[in-house]
Amino acid sequence: QVQLVESGGGSVQAGGSLRLSCAASGTIFGLCVMGWYRQAPGQQRWLIASVSRGGTANYGDSVKGRFTISRDNAKTTAYLQMTSLKPEDTAVYYCNCRVFGNDYWGQGTQVTVSS
């Protein structure tokens, strides 16, 4: 099993930056495909970025060029560096580990971007 804990959310003005962290417990972090999702009020949860076990990153169009996903397998932590934040980035951000056909989720961290 994997337990995930997000941190780093908060309130920021448009154009600002935040770095989210997702700390994982357990011994299989290195086997996870890690993803960051977000969910705005009244909307479904969307995948915005993912990173493979080998470090290959993919991004949704809404964040491409502004967000960077990374992972440190030695620290069993995934990161989401967010720059040029916009009010429409306001959401609860969740990290996800997908491994052996199972999904594990963190509790989420709120990001609020004001104009």
C-alpha atoms as a PDB file:
ATOM      1  CA  GLN A   1       0.000   0.000   0.000  1.00  0.00           C
ATOM      2  CA  VAL A   2       0.916   3.645  -0.427  1.00  0.00           C
ATOM      3  CA  GLN A   3      -0.137   6.566   1.721  1.00  0.00           C
ATOM      4  CA  LEU A   4       0.140  10.017   0.194  1.00  0.00           C
ATOM      5  CA  VAL A   5       0.237  13.389   1.941  1.00  0.00           C
ATOM      6  CA  GLU A   6       0.118  16.626  -0.049  1.00  0.00           C
ATOM      7  CA  SER A   7       1.454  19.939   1.170  1.00  0.00           C
ATOM      8  CA  GLY A   8       2.350  23.340  -0.193  1.00  0.00           C
ATOM      9  CA  GLY A   9      -1.042  24.710  -1.120  1.00  0.00           C
ATOM     10  CA  GLY A  10      -2.183  28.175  -0.206  1.00  0.00           C
ATOM     11  CA  SER A  11      -3.357  31.513  -1.504  1.00  0.00           C
ATOM     12  CA  VAL A  12      -1.431  33.479  -4.083  1.00  0.00           C
ATOM     13  CA  GLN A  13      -2.044  36.342  -6.459  1.00  0.00           C
ATOM     14  CA  ALA A  14      -2.284  35.809 -10.195  1.00  0.00           C
ATOM     15  CA  GLY A  15       1.147  35.475 -11.730  1.00  0.00           C
ATOM     16  CA  GLY A  16       2.585  33.935  -8.594  1.00  0.00           C
ATOM     17  CA  SER A  17       4.080  30.531  -7.954  1.00  0.00           C
ATOM     18  CA  LEU A  18       3.573  27.614  -5.610  1.00  0.00           C
ATOM     19  CA  ARG A  19       5.267  24.273  -5.181  1.00  0.00           C
ATOM     20  CA  LEU A  20       3.200  21.305  -4.113  1.00  0.00           C
ATOM     21  CA  SER A  21       4.751  18.233  -2.553  1.00  0.00           C
ATOM     22  CA  CYS A  22       3.359  14.723  -2.252  1.00  0.00           C
ATOM     23  CA  ALA A  23       5.145  12.603   0.321  1.00  0.00           C
ATOM     24  CA  ALA A  24       4.605   8.863   0.024  1.00  0.00           C
ATOM     25  CA  SER A  25       4.993   6.173   2.621  1.00  0.00           C
ATOM     26  CA  GLY A  26       5.465   2.530   1.782  1.00  0.00           C
ATOM     27  CA  THR A  27       8.036   0.730  -0.252  1.00  0.00           C
ATOM     28  CA  ILE A  28       6.563   0.799  -3.738  1.00  0.00           C
ATOM     29  CA  PHE A  29       6.743   4.520  -4.584  1.00  0.00           C
ATOM     30  CA  GLY A  30       9.309   3.795  -7.264  1.00  0.00           C
ATOM     31  CA  LEU A  31       6.764   1.608  -9.064  1.00  0.00           C
ATOM     32  CA  CYS A  32       4.051   4.267  -9.069  1.00  0.00           C
ATOM     33  CA  VAL A  33       3.052   6.350 -12.013  1.00  0.00           C
ATOM     34  CA  MET A  34       2.511   9.614 -10.157  1.00  0.00           C
ATOM     35  CA  GLY A  35      -0.132  12.086 -11.169  1.00  0.00           C
ATOM     36  CA  TRP A  36      -1.478  15.424 -10.032  1.00  0.00           C
ATOM     37  CA  TYR A  37      -5.201  16.040 -10.393  1.00  0.00           C
ATOM     38  CA  ARG A  38      -7.300  19.042  -9.531  1.00  0.00           C
ATOM     39  CA  GLN A  39     -10.938  19.561  -8.746  1.00  0.00           C
ATOM     40  CA  ALA A  40     -12.659  22.915  -8.810  1.00  0.00           C
ATOM     41  CA  PRO A  41     -16.000  23.434  -7.012  1.00  0.00           C
ATOM     42  CA  GLY A  42     -18.827  21.751  -8.889  1.00  0.00           C
ATOM     43  CA  GLN A  43     -16.478  20.118 -11.370  1.00  0.00           C
ATOM     44  CA  GLN A  44     -14.994  16.686 -11.748  1.00  0.00           C
ATOM     45  CA  ARG A  45     -11.439  15.800 -10.920  1.00  0.00           C
ATOM     46  CA  TRP A  46      -9.044  16.205 -13.847  1.00  0.00           C
ATOM     47  CA  LEU A  47      -5.569  14.868 -14.454  1.00  0.00           C
ATOM     48  CA  ILE A  48      -3.236  17.781 -15.135  1.00  0.00           C
ATOM     49  CA  ALA A  49       0.199  16.195 -15.030  1.00  0.00           C
ATOM     50  CA  SER A  50       1.796  12.790 -14.673  1.00  0.00           C
ATOM     51  CA  VAL A  51       5.296  11.381 -14.431  1.00  0.00           C
ATOM     52  CA  SER A  52       6.307   7.838 -15.221  1.00  0.00           C
ATOM     53  CA  ARG A  53       8.558   5.625 -13.133  1.00  0.00           C
ATOM     54  CA  GLY A  54      11.423   6.667 -15.358  1.00  0.00           C
ATOM     55  CA  GLY A  55      10.664  10.372 -15.105  1.00  0.00           C
ATOM     56  CA  THR A  56       8.823  11.040 -18.359  1.00  0.00           C
ATOM     57  CA  ALA A  57       6.331  13.836 -17.800  1.00  0.00           C
ATOM     58  CA  ASN A  58       3.048  14.604 -19.524  1.00  0.00           C
ATOM     59  CA  TYR A  59       0.808  17.639 -19.095  1.00  0.00           C
ATOM     60  CA  GLY A  60      -2.689  18.741 -19.806  1.00  0.00           C
ATOM     61  CA  ASP A  61      -3.062  21.624 -22.207  1.00  0.00           C
ATOM     62  CA  SER A  62      -4.302  23.954 -19.474  1.00  0.00           C
ATOM     63  CA  VAL A  63      -1.019  23.778 -17.546  1.00  0.00           C
ATOM     64  CA  LYS A  64       1.551  22.991 -20.228  1.00  0.00           C
ATOM     65  CA  GLY A  65       4.427  25.436 -20.107  1.00  0.00           C
ATOM     66  CA  ARG A  66       3.481  26.716 -16.641  1.00  0.00           C
ATOM     67  CA  PHE A  67       3.588  23.642 -14.383  1.00  0.00           C
ATOM     68  CA  THR A  68       6.400  21.132 -13.929  1.00  0.00           C
ATOM     69  CA  ILE A  69       5.948  17.705 -12.379  1.00  0.00           C
ATOM     70  CA  SER A  70       8.897  15.832 -10.943  1.00  0.00           C
ATOM     71  CA  ARG A  71       9.700  13.008  -8.584  1.00  0.00           C
ATOM     72  CA  ASP A  72      12.503  12.058  -6.246  1.00  0.00           C
ATOM     73  CA  ASN A  73      12.395   8.318  -5.754  1.00  0.00           C
ATOM     74  CA  ALA A  74      15.036   8.439  -3.024  1.00  0.00           C
ATOM     75  CA  LYS A  75      12.831  10.799  -1.015  1.00  0.00           C
ATOM     76  CA  THR A  76       9.609   9.038  -2.134  1.00  0.00           C
ATOM     77  CA  THR A  77       8.175  12.442  -2.989  1.00  0.00           C
ATOM     78  CA  ALA A  78       6.536  13.927  -6.043  1.00  0.00           C
ATOM     79  CA  TYR A  79       6.356  17.631  -6.760  1.00  0.00           C
ATOM     80  CA  LEU A  80       4.320  20.052  -8.807  1.00  0.00           C
ATOM     81  CA  GLN A  81       5.975  23.395  -9.464  1.00  0.00           C
ATOM     82  CA  MET A  82       3.314  25.885 -10.537  1.00  0.00           C
ATOM     83  CA  THR A  83       4.207  29.216 -12.093  1.00  0.00           C
ATOM     84  CA  SER A  84       2.255  32.002 -13.790  1.00  0.00           C
ATOM     85  CA  LEU A  85      -0.774  31.004 -11.783  1.00  0.00           C
ATOM     86  CA  LYS A  86      -4.186  32.124 -12.951  1.00  0.00           C
ATOM     87  CA  PRO A  87      -7.494  32.451 -11.089  1.00  0.00           C
ATOM     88  CA  GLU A  88      -8.790  29.470 -13.067  1.00  0.00           C
ATOM     89  CA  ASP A  89      -6.099  27.331 -11.425  1.00  0.00           C
ATOM     90  CA  THR A  90      -8.041  27.628  -8.173  1.00  0.00           C
ATOM     91  CA  ALA A  91      -8.934  24.100  -7.049  1.00  0.00           C
ATOM     92  CA  VAL A  92      -8.151  21.329  -4.631  1.00  0.00           C
ATOM     93  CA  TYR A  93      -5.063  19.525  -5.874  1.00  0.00           C
ATOM     94  CA  TYR A  94      -4.647  15.792  -5.329  1.00  0.00           C
ATOM     95  CA  CYS A  95      -1.707  13.530  -5.929  1.00  0.00           C
ATOM     96  CA  ASN A  96      -2.221  10.003  -7.144  1.00  0.00           C
ATOM     97  CA  CYS A  97      -0.166   6.840  -7.329  1.00  0.00           C
ATOM     98  CA  ARG A  98      -1.224   4.287  -9.898  1.00  0.00           C
ATOM     99  CA  VAL A  99       0.406   0.902  -9.389  1.00  0.00           C
ATOM    100  CA  PHE A 100      -0.595  -2.722 -10.029  1.00  0.00           C
ATOM    101  CA  GLY A 101      -3.988  -1.545 -11.279  1.00  0.00           C
ATOM    102  CA  ASN A 102      -4.744   0.327  -8.079  1.00  0.00           C
ATOM    103  CA  ASP A 103      -5.137   4.033  -7.405  1.00  0.00           C
ATOM    104  CA  TYR A 104      -4.017   5.684  -4.196  1.00  0.00           C
ATOM    105  CA  TRP A 105      -4.940   9.270  -3.323  1.00  0.00           C
ATOM    106  CA  GLY A 106      -3.816  11.955  -0.973  1.00  0.00           C
ATOM    107  CA  GLN A 107      -6.228  14.097   1.009  1.00  0.00           C
ATOM    108  CA  GLY A 108      -5.822  17.113  -1.259  1.00  0.00           C
ATOM    109  CA  THR A 109      -4.458  20.603  -0.785  1.00  0.00           C
ATOM    110  CA  GLN A 110      -6.279  23.829  -1.602  1.00  0.00           C
ATOM    111  CA  VAL A 111      -4.798  26.296  -4.068  1.00  0.00           C
ATOM    112  CA  THR A 112      -6.499  29.663  -4.391  1.00  0.00           C
ATOM    113  CA  VAL A 113      -5.379  32.218  -6.966  1.00  0.00           C
ATOM    114  CA  SER A 114      -6.786  35.723  -6.711  1.00  0.00           C
ATOM    115  CA  SER A 115      -6.877  38.255  -9.513  1.00  0.00           C
END
